[in-house]
Amino acid sequence: MTVALMWEARAVTGRGGELLAWARAQELPRVPLRRETLRAPQDRVLVITWWDAPYGADLPELPEPDAGLVTRAVHRWRFEAVDGD
């Protein structure tokens, strides 16, 4: 089964570049099948990691950034693949 973990944070206004750099620099203790980092308006950063694991597996996730870098707590979601390769 393929599980995707999504991590999304919103930076303090004008600090989106710092948040993006911070997220890209975070190393996980295990290497996922795939990792993708995206950005969006309003200084938001999204990181998606894909894992070959059961849905409820204990998987490494990115931590919370320093409170001074973000406007709110990180949002996290977990999905399982139902179609595709």
PDB file of N, CA and C in Angstrom:
ATOM      1  N   MET A   1       0.840  -1.166   0.000  1.00  0.00           N
ATOM      2  CA  MET A   1       0.000   0.000   0.000  1.00  0.00           C
ATOM      3  C   MET A   1       0.893   1.239   0.000  1.00  0.00           C
ATOM      4  N   THR A   2       0.431   2.274  -0.697  1.00  0.00           N
ATOM      5  CA  THR A   2       1.156   3.547  -0.696  1.00  0.00           C
ATOM      6  C   THR A   2       0.382   4.555   0.147  1.00  0.00           C
ATOM      7  N   VAL A   3       1.078   5.164   1.076  1.00  0.00           N
ATOM      8  CA  VAL A   3       0.507   6.180   1.958  1.00  0.00           C
ATOM      9  C   VAL A   3       1.202   7.507   1.652  1.00  0.00           C
ATOM     10  N   ALA A   4       0.410   8.570   1.554  1.00  0.00           N
ATOM     11  CA  ALA A   4       0.955   9.912   1.346  1.00  0.00           C
ATOM     12  C   ALA A   4       0.706  10.744   2.593  1.00  0.00           C
ATOM     13  N   LEU A   5       1.749  11.371   3.077  1.00  0.00           N
ATOM     14  CA  LEU A   5       1.631  12.297   4.209  1.00  0.00           C
ATOM     15  C   LEU A   5       1.761  13.708   3.660  1.00  0.00           C
ATOM     16  N   MET A   6       0.833  14.562   4.051  1.00  0.00           N
ATOM     17  CA  MET A   6       0.866  15.957   3.615  1.00  0.00           C
ATOM     18  C   MET A   6       1.094  16.842   4.833  1.00  0.00           C
ATOM     19  N   TRP A   7       2.000  17.772   4.676  1.00  0.00           N
ATOM     20  CA  TRP A   7       2.381  18.723   5.726  1.00  0.00           C
ATOM     21  C   TRP A   7       2.256  20.108   5.115  1.00  0.00           C
ATOM     22  N   GLU A   8       1.445  20.982   5.728  1.00  0.00           N
ATOM     23  CA  GLU A   8       1.233  22.321   5.157  1.00  0.00           C
ATOM     24  C   GLU A   8       1.348  23.369   6.252  1.00  0.00           C
ATOM     25  N   ALA A   9       2.114  24.427   5.961  1.00  0.00           N
ATOM     26  CA  ALA A   9       2.300  25.507   6.928  1.00  0.00           C
ATOM     27  C   ALA A   9       2.192  26.848   6.212  1.00  0.00           C
ATOM     28  N   ARG A  10       1.819  27.859   6.962  1.00  0.00           N
ATOM     29  CA  ARG A  10       1.741  29.219   6.435  1.00  0.00           C
ATOM     30  C   ARG A  10       2.712  30.095   7.209  1.00  0.00           C
ATOM     31  N   ALA A  11       3.612  30.706   6.482  1.00  0.00           N
ATOM     32  CA  ALA A  11       4.641  31.544   7.100  1.00  0.00           C
ATOM     33  C   ALA A  11       4.068  32.896   7.505  1.00  0.00           C
ATOM     34  N   VAL A  12       4.740  33.523   8.426  1.00  0.00           N
ATOM     35  CA  VAL A  12       4.468  34.912   8.754  1.00  0.00           C
ATOM     36  C   VAL A  12       4.666  35.705   7.456  1.00  0.00           C
ATOM     37  N   THR A  13       3.843  36.704   7.224  1.00  0.00           N
ATOM     38  CA  THR A  13       3.892  37.484   5.989  1.00  0.00           C
ATOM     39  C   THR A  13       5.318  37.910   5.640  1.00  0.00           C
ATOM     40  N   GLY A  14       5.700  37.615   4.405  1.00  0.00           N
ATOM     41  CA  GLY A  14       7.018  37.983   3.921  1.00  0.00           C
ATOM     42  C   GLY A  14       8.119  36.991   4.236  1.00  0.00           C
ATOM     43  N   ARG A  15       7.798  35.917   4.975  1.00  0.00           N
ATOM     44  CA  ARG A  15       8.831  34.946   5.357  1.00  0.00           C
ATOM     45  C   ARG A  15       8.644  33.595   4.659  1.00  0.00           C
ATOM     46  N   GLY A  16       7.874  33.604   3.562  1.00  0.00           N
ATOM     47  CA  GLY A  16       7.634  32.363   2.829  1.00  0.00           C
ATOM     48  C   GLY A  16       8.905  31.710   2.331  1.00  0.00           C
ATOM     49  N   GLY A  17       9.855  32.517   1.870  1.00  0.00           N
ATOM     50  CA  GLY A  17      11.126  31.971   1.401  1.00  0.00           C
ATOM     51  C   GLY A  17      11.893  31.270   2.506  1.00  0.00           C
ATOM     52  N   GLU A  18      11.844  31.837   3.701  1.00  0.00           N
ATOM     53  CA  GLU A  18      12.522  31.217   4.850  1.00  0.00           C
ATOM     54  C   GLU A  18      11.863  29.894   5.217  1.00  0.00           C
ATOM     55  N   LEU A  19      10.515  29.885   5.208  1.00  0.00           N
ATOM     56  CA  LEU A  19       9.800  28.658   5.529  1.00  0.00           C
ATOM     57  C   LEU A  19      10.091  27.588   4.480  1.00  0.00           C
ATOM     58  N   LEU A  20      10.103  27.974   3.212  1.00  0.00           N
ATOM     59  CA  LEU A  20      10.413  27.036   2.142  1.00  0.00           C
ATOM     60  C   LEU A  20      11.816  26.451   2.334  1.00  0.00           C
ATOM     61  N   ALA A  21      12.786  27.290   2.605  1.00  0.00           N
ATOM     62  CA  ALA A  21      14.158  26.818   2.828  1.00  0.00           C
ATOM     63  C   ALA A  21      14.226  25.900   4.044  1.00  0.00           C
ATOM     64  N   TRP A  22      13.515  26.256   5.100  1.00  0.00           N
ATOM     65  CA  TRP A  22      13.492  25.430   6.315  1.00  0.00           C
ATOM     66  C   TRP A  22      12.926  24.052   5.999  1.00  0.00           C
ATOM     67  N   ALA A  23      11.791  24.002   5.303  1.00  0.00           N
ATOM     68  CA  ALA A  23      11.148  22.726   4.988  1.00  0.00           C
ATOM     69  C   ALA A  23      12.048  21.861   4.109  1.00  0.00           C
ATOM     70  N   ARG A  24      12.695  22.481   3.130  1.00  0.00           N
ATOM     71  CA  ARG A  24      13.566  21.720   2.220  1.00  0.00           C
ATOM     72  C   ARG A  24      14.790  21.165   2.942  1.00  0.00           C
ATOM     73  N   ALA A  25      15.222  21.825   3.996  1.00  0.00           N
ATOM     74  CA  ALA A  25      16.412  21.387   4.735  1.00  0.00           C
ATOM     75  C   ALA A  25      16.123  20.276   5.746  1.00  0.00           C
ATOM     76  N   GLN A  26      14.855  20.012   6.029  1.00  0.00           N
ATOM     77  CA  GLN A  26      14.509  19.003   7.033  1.00  0.00           C
ATOM     78  C   GLN A  26      14.758  17.603   6.492  1.00  0.00           C
ATOM     79  N   GLU A  27      15.580  16.853   7.195  1.00  0.00           N
ATOM     80  CA  GLU A  27      15.853  15.473   6.814  1.00  0.00           C
ATOM     81  C   GLU A  27      14.989  14.553   7.661  1.00  0.00           C
ATOM     82  N   LEU A  28      14.503  13.503   7.041  1.00  0.00           N
ATOM     83  CA  LEU A  28      13.718  12.500   7.742  1.00  0.00           C
ATOM     84  C   LEU A  28      14.624  11.328   8.100  1.00  0.00           C
ATOM     85  N   PRO A  29      14.327  10.608   9.189  1.00  0.00           N
ATOM     86  CA  PRO A  29      15.185   9.494   9.584  1.00  0.00           C
ATOM     87  C   PRO A  29      15.141   8.315   8.605  1.00  0.00           C
ATOM     88  N   ARG A  30      14.112   8.274   7.754  1.00  0.00           N
ATOM     89  CA  ARG A  30      14.022   7.264   6.689  1.00  0.00           C
ATOM     90  C   ARG A  30      13.712   7.993   5.393  1.00  0.00           C
ATOM     91  N   VAL A  31      14.112   7.405   4.287  1.00  0.00           N
ATOM     92  CA  VAL A  31      13.880   8.023   2.976  1.00  0.00           C
ATOM     93  C   VAL A  31      12.550   7.546   2.418  1.00  0.00           C
ATOM     94  N   PRO A  32      11.636   8.465   2.071  1.00  0.00           N
ATOM     95  CA  PRO A  32      10.352   8.061   1.490  1.00  0.00           C
ATOM     96  C   PRO A  32      10.532   7.612   0.037  1.00  0.00           C
ATOM     97  N   LEU A  33       9.493   6.995  -0.519  1.00  0.00           N
ATOM     98  CA  LEU A  33       9.515   6.637  -1.932  1.00  0.00           C
ATOM     99  C   LEU A  33       9.668   7.889  -2.788  1.00  0.00           C
ATOM    100  N   ARG A  34       9.039   8.952  -2.347  1.00  0.00           N
ATOM    101  CA  ARG A  34       9.046  10.220  -3.079  1.00  0.00           C
ATOM    102  C   ARG A  34       8.778  11.343  -2.087  1.00  0.00           C
ATOM    103  N   ARG A  35       9.327  12.506  -2.380  1.00  0.00           N
ATOM    104  CA  ARG A  35       9.086  13.703  -1.562  1.00  0.00           C
ATOM    105  C   ARG A  35       8.971  14.882  -2.512  1.00  0.00           C
ATOM    106  N   GLU A  36       7.943  15.680  -2.317  1.00  0.00           N
ATOM    107  CA  GLU A  36       7.733  16.850  -3.169  1.00  0.00           C
ATOM    108  C   GLU A  36       7.426  18.053  -2.288  1.00  0.00           C
ATOM    109  N   THR A  37       8.028  19.177  -2.617  1.00  0.00           N
ATOM    110  CA  THR A  37       7.823  20.420  -1.869  1.00  0.00           C
ATOM    111  C   THR A  37       7.214  21.443  -2.817  1.00  0.00           C
ATOM    112  N   LEU A  38       6.128  22.091  -2.370  1.00  0.00           N
ATOM    113  CA  LEU A  38       5.420  23.068  -3.191  1.00  0.00           C
ATOM    114  C   LEU A  38       5.197  24.340  -2.388  1.00  0.00           C
ATOM    115  N   ARG A  39       4.954  25.432  -3.106  1.00  0.00           N
ATOM    116  CA  ARG A  39       4.616  26.692  -2.434  1.00  0.00           C
ATOM    117  C   ARG A  39       3.376  27.275  -3.094  1.00  0.00           C
ATOM    118  N   ALA A  40       2.717  28.173  -2.378  1.00  0.00           N
ATOM    119  CA  ALA A  40       1.481  28.789  -2.856  1.00  0.00           C
ATOM    120  C   ALA A  40       1.408  30.223  -2.334  1.00  0.00           C
ATOM    121  N   PRO A  41       0.475  31.005  -2.885  1.00  0.00           N
ATOM    122  CA  PRO A  41       0.297  32.365  -2.366  1.00  0.00           C
ATOM    123  C   PRO A  41       0.053  32.360  -0.858  1.00  0.00           C
ATOM    124  N   GLN A  42       0.198  33.501  -0.275  1.00  0.00           N
ATOM    125  CA  GLN A  42       0.052  33.722   1.163  1.00  0.00           C
ATOM    126  C   GLN A  42       1.152  33.010   1.957  1.00  0.00           C
ATOM    127  N   ASP A  43       2.323  32.855   1.313  1.00  0.00           N
ATOM    128  CA  ASP A  43       3.499  32.292   1.989  1.00  0.00           C
ATOM    129  C   ASP A  43       3.246  30.897   2.564  1.00  0.00           C
ATOM    130  N   ARG A  44       2.499  30.069   1.817  1.00  0.00           N
ATOM    131  CA  ARG A  44       2.222  28.697   2.250  1.00  0.00           C
ATOM    132  C   ARG A  44       3.214  27.731   1.615  1.00  0.00           C
ATOM    133  N   VAL A  45       3.558  26.688   2.378  1.00  0.00           N
ATOM    134  CA  VAL A  45       4.472  25.641   1.919  1.00  0.00           C
ATOM    135  C   VAL A  45       3.801  24.291   2.190  1.00  0.00           C
ATOM    136  N   LEU A  46       3.880  23.403   1.194  1.00  0.00           N
ATOM    137  CA  LEU A  46       3.297  22.072   1.288  1.00  0.00           C
ATOM    138  C   LEU A  46       4.386  21.050   0.989  1.00  0.00           C
ATOM    139  N   VAL A  47       4.498  20.041   1.842  1.00  0.00           N
ATOM    140  CA  VAL A  47       5.426  18.932   1.607  1.00  0.00           C
ATOM    141  C   VAL A  47       4.603  17.648   1.605  1.00  0.00           C
ATOM    142  N   ILE A  48       4.760  16.849   0.541  1.00  0.00           N
ATOM    143  CA  ILE A  48       4.083  15.567   0.442  1.00  0.00           C
ATOM    144  C   ILE A  48       5.160  14.493   0.374  1.00  0.00           C
ATOM    145  N   THR A  49       5.020  13.472   1.212  1.00  0.00           N
ATOM    146  CA  THR A  49       5.919  12.323   1.155  1.00  0.00           C
ATOM    147  C   THR A  49       5.080  11.081   0.902  1.00  0.00           C
ATOM    148  N   TRP A  50       5.632  10.170   0.105  1.00  0.00           N
ATOM    149  CA  TRP A  50       4.957   8.909  -0.213  1.00  0.00           C
ATOM    150  C   TRP A  50       5.745   7.766   0.404  1.00  0.00           C
ATOM    151  N   TRP A  51       5.017   6.800   0.982  1.00  0.00           N
ATOM    152  CA  TRP A  51       5.643   5.688   1.690  1.00  0.00           C
ATOM    153  C   TRP A  51       5.002   4.362   1.277  1.00  0.00           C
ATOM    154  N   ASP A  52       5.795   3.319   1.201  1.00  0.00           N
ATOM    155  CA  ASP A  52       5.283   1.973   1.019  1.00  0.00           C
ATOM    156  C   ASP A  52       5.065   1.418   2.419  1.00  0.00           C
ATOM    157  N   ALA A  53       3.828   1.557   2.917  1.00  0.00           N
ATOM    158  CA  ALA A  53       3.539   1.189   4.303  1.00  0.00           C
ATOM    159  C   ALA A  53       2.031   1.049   4.486  1.00  0.00           C
ATOM    160  N   PRO A  54       1.598   0.342   5.535  1.00  0.00           N
ATOM    161  CA  PRO A  54       0.173   0.306   5.855  1.00  0.00           C
ATOM    162  C   PRO A  54      -0.305   1.698   6.278  1.00  0.00           C
ATOM    163  N   TYR A  55      -1.593   1.943   6.150  1.00  0.00           N
ATOM    164  CA  TYR A  55      -2.157   3.264   6.444  1.00  0.00           C
ATOM    165  C   TYR A  55      -1.787   3.762   7.849  1.00  0.00           C
ATOM    166  N   GLY A  56      -1.867   2.909   8.830  1.00  0.00           N
ATOM    167  CA  GLY A  56      -1.624   3.335  10.213  1.00  0.00           C
ATOM    168  C   GLY A  56      -0.180   3.238  10.668  1.00  0.00           C
ATOM    169  N   ALA A  57       0.747   2.983   9.744  1.00  0.00           N
ATOM    170  CA  ALA A  57       2.156   2.812  10.118  1.00  0.00           C
ATOM    171  C   ALA A  57       2.715   4.069  10.782  1.00  0.00           C
ATOM    172  N   ASP A  58       3.672   3.852  11.658  1.00  0.00           N
ATOM    173  CA  ASP A  58       4.378   4.958  12.306  1.00  0.00           C
ATOM    174  C   ASP A  58       5.421   5.475  11.311  1.00  0.00           C
ATOM    175  N   LEU A  59       5.152   6.619  10.710  1.00  0.00           N
ATOM    176  CA  LEU A  59       6.019   7.171   9.668  1.00  0.00           C
ATOM    177  C   LEU A  59       6.605   8.505  10.110  1.00  0.00           C
ATOM    178  N   PRO A  60       7.822   8.801   9.701  1.00  0.00           N
ATOM    179  CA  PRO A  60       8.425  10.080  10.089  1.00  0.00           C
ATOM    180  C   PRO A  60       7.750  11.245   9.363  1.00  0.00           C
ATOM    181  N   GLU A  61       7.568  12.327  10.085  1.00  0.00           N
ATOM    182  CA  GLU A  61       6.958  13.531   9.518  1.00  0.00           C
ATOM    183  C   GLU A  61       7.843  14.731   9.824  1.00  0.00           C
ATOM    184  N   LEU A  62       7.668  15.769   9.039  1.00  0.00           N
ATOM    185  CA  LEU A  62       8.386  17.004   9.327  1.00  0.00           C
ATOM    186  C   LEU A  62       7.878  17.575  10.651  1.00  0.00           C
ATOM    187  N   PRO A  63       8.762  18.195  11.416  1.00  0.00           N
ATOM    188  CA  PRO A  63       8.352  18.783  12.696  1.00  0.00           C
ATOM    189  C   PRO A  63       7.644  20.117  12.502  1.00  0.00           C
ATOM    190  N   GLU A  64       7.233  20.692  13.596  1.00  0.00           N
ATOM    191  CA  GLU A  64       6.686  22.048  13.598  1.00  0.00           C
ATOM    192  C   GLU A  64       7.858  23.025  13.486  1.00  0.00           C
ATOM    193  N   PRO A  65       7.760  24.038  12.628  1.00  0.00           N
ATOM    194  CA  PRO A  65       8.802  25.071  12.599  1.00  0.00           C
ATOM    195  C   PRO A  65       8.717  25.942  13.858  1.00  0.00           C
ATOM    196  N   ASP A  66       9.726  26.758  14.070  1.00  0.00           N
ATOM    197  CA  ASP A  66       9.677  27.697  15.193  1.00  0.00           C
ATOM    198  C   ASP A  66       8.424  28.548  15.094  1.00  0.00           C
ATOM    199  N   ALA A  67       7.806  28.826  16.219  1.00  0.00           N
ATOM    200  CA  ALA A  67       6.548  29.572  16.250  1.00  0.00           C
ATOM    201  C   ALA A  67       6.666  30.941  15.594  1.00  0.00           C
ATOM    202  N   GLY A  68       7.816  31.554  15.641  1.00  0.00           N
ATOM    203  CA  GLY A  68       7.999  32.873  15.043  1.00  0.00           C
ATOM    204  C   GLY A  68       8.040  32.871  13.523  1.00  0.00           C
ATOM    205  N   LEU A  69       8.118  31.691  12.913  1.00  0.00           N
ATOM    206  CA  LEU A  69       8.184  31.582  11.463  1.00  0.00           C
ATOM    207  C   LEU A  69       6.815  31.351  10.826  1.00  0.00           C
ATOM    208  N   VAL A  70       5.866  30.816  11.598  1.00  0.00           N
ATOM    209  CA  VAL A  70       4.554  30.454  11.047  1.00  0.00           C
ATOM    210  C   VAL A  70       3.422  31.203  11.757  1.00  0.00           C
ATOM    211  N   THR A  71       2.283  31.290  11.065  1.00  0.00           N
ATOM    212  CA  THR A  71       1.133  32.014  11.620  1.00  0.00           C
ATOM    213  C   THR A  71       0.198  31.120  12.410  1.00  0.00           C
ATOM    214  N   ARG A  72       0.364  29.798  12.278  1.00  0.00           N
ATOM    215  CA  ARG A  72      -0.521  28.847  12.947  1.00  0.00           C
ATOM    216  C   ARG A  72       0.182  27.499  13.006  1.00  0.00           C
ATOM    217  N   ALA A  73      -0.418  26.559  13.704  1.00  0.00           N
ATOM    218  CA  ALA A  73       0.135  25.204  13.754  1.00  0.00           C
ATOM    219  C   ALA A  73       0.094  24.577  12.361  1.00  0.00           C
ATOM    220  N   VAL A  74       1.015  23.680  12.119  1.00  0.00           N
ATOM    221  CA  VAL A  74       1.072  22.950  10.851  1.00  0.00           C
ATOM    222  C   VAL A  74      -0.187  22.104  10.687  1.00  0.00           C
ATOM    223  N   HIS A  75      -0.696  22.031   9.455  1.00  0.00           N
ATOM    224  CA  HIS A  75      -1.797  21.123   9.134  1.00  0.00           C
ATOM    225  C   HIS A  75      -1.194  19.852   8.568  1.00  0.00           C
ATOM    226  N   ARG A  76      -1.722  18.712   8.984  1.00  0.00           N
ATOM    227  CA  ARG A  76      -1.209  17.419   8.538  1.00  0.00           C
ATOM    228  C   ARG A  76      -2.374  16.535   8.107  1.00  0.00           C
ATOM    229  N   TRP A  77      -2.169  15.811   6.999  1.00  0.00           N
ATOM    230  CA  TRP A  77      -3.169  14.861   6.521  1.00  0.00           C
ATOM    231  C   TRP A  77      -2.476  13.595   6.088  1.00  0.00           C
ATOM    232  N   ARG A  78      -3.197  12.485   6.135  1.00  0.00           N
ATOM    233  CA  ARG A  78      -2.685  11.178   5.685  1.00  0.00           C
ATOM    234  C   ARG A  78      -3.697  10.595   4.711  1.00  0.00           C
ATOM    235  N   PHE A  79      -3.190  10.116   3.580  1.00  0.00           N
ATOM    236  CA  PHE A  79      -4.031   9.526   2.540  1.00  0.00           C
ATOM    237  C   PHE A  79      -3.449   8.195   2.109  1.00  0.00           C
ATOM    238  N   GLU A  80      -4.299   7.298   1.605  1.00  0.00           N
ATOM    239  CA  GLU A  80      -3.820   6.070   0.986  1.00  0.00           C
ATOM    240  C   GLU A  80      -4.166   6.101  -0.496  1.00  0.00           C
ATOM    241  N   ALA A  81      -3.271   5.584  -1.309  1.00  0.00           N
ATOM    242  CA  ALA A  81      -3.492   5.541  -2.757  1.00  0.00           C
ATOM    243  C   ALA A  81      -4.572   4.505  -3.068  1.00  0.00           C
ATOM    244  N   VAL A  82      -5.474   4.850  -3.984  1.00  0.00           N
ATOM    245  CA  VAL A  82      -6.520   3.926  -4.392  1.00  0.00           C
ATOM    246  C   VAL A  82      -6.444   3.601  -5.876  1.00  0.00           C
ATOM    247  N   ASP A  83      -5.748   4.399  -6.673  1.00  0.00           N
ATOM    248  CA  ASP A  83      -5.564   4.184  -8.102  1.00  0.00           C
ATOM    249  C   ASP A  83      -4.146   4.554  -8.475  1.00  0.00           C
ATOM    250  N   GLY A  84      -3.752   4.175  -9.678  1.00  0.00           N
ATOM    251  CA  GLY A  84      -2.462   4.603 -10.203  1.00  0.00           C
ATOM    252  C   GLY A  84      -1.376   3.594  -9.988  1.00  0.00           C
ATOM    253  N   ASP A  85      -0.191   4.002 -10.359  1.00  0.00           N
ATOM    254  CA  ASP A  85       0.973   3.118 -10.266  1.00  0.00           C
ATOM    255  C   ASP A  85       1.542   3.097  -8.869  1.00  0.00           C
TER     256      ASP A  85
END
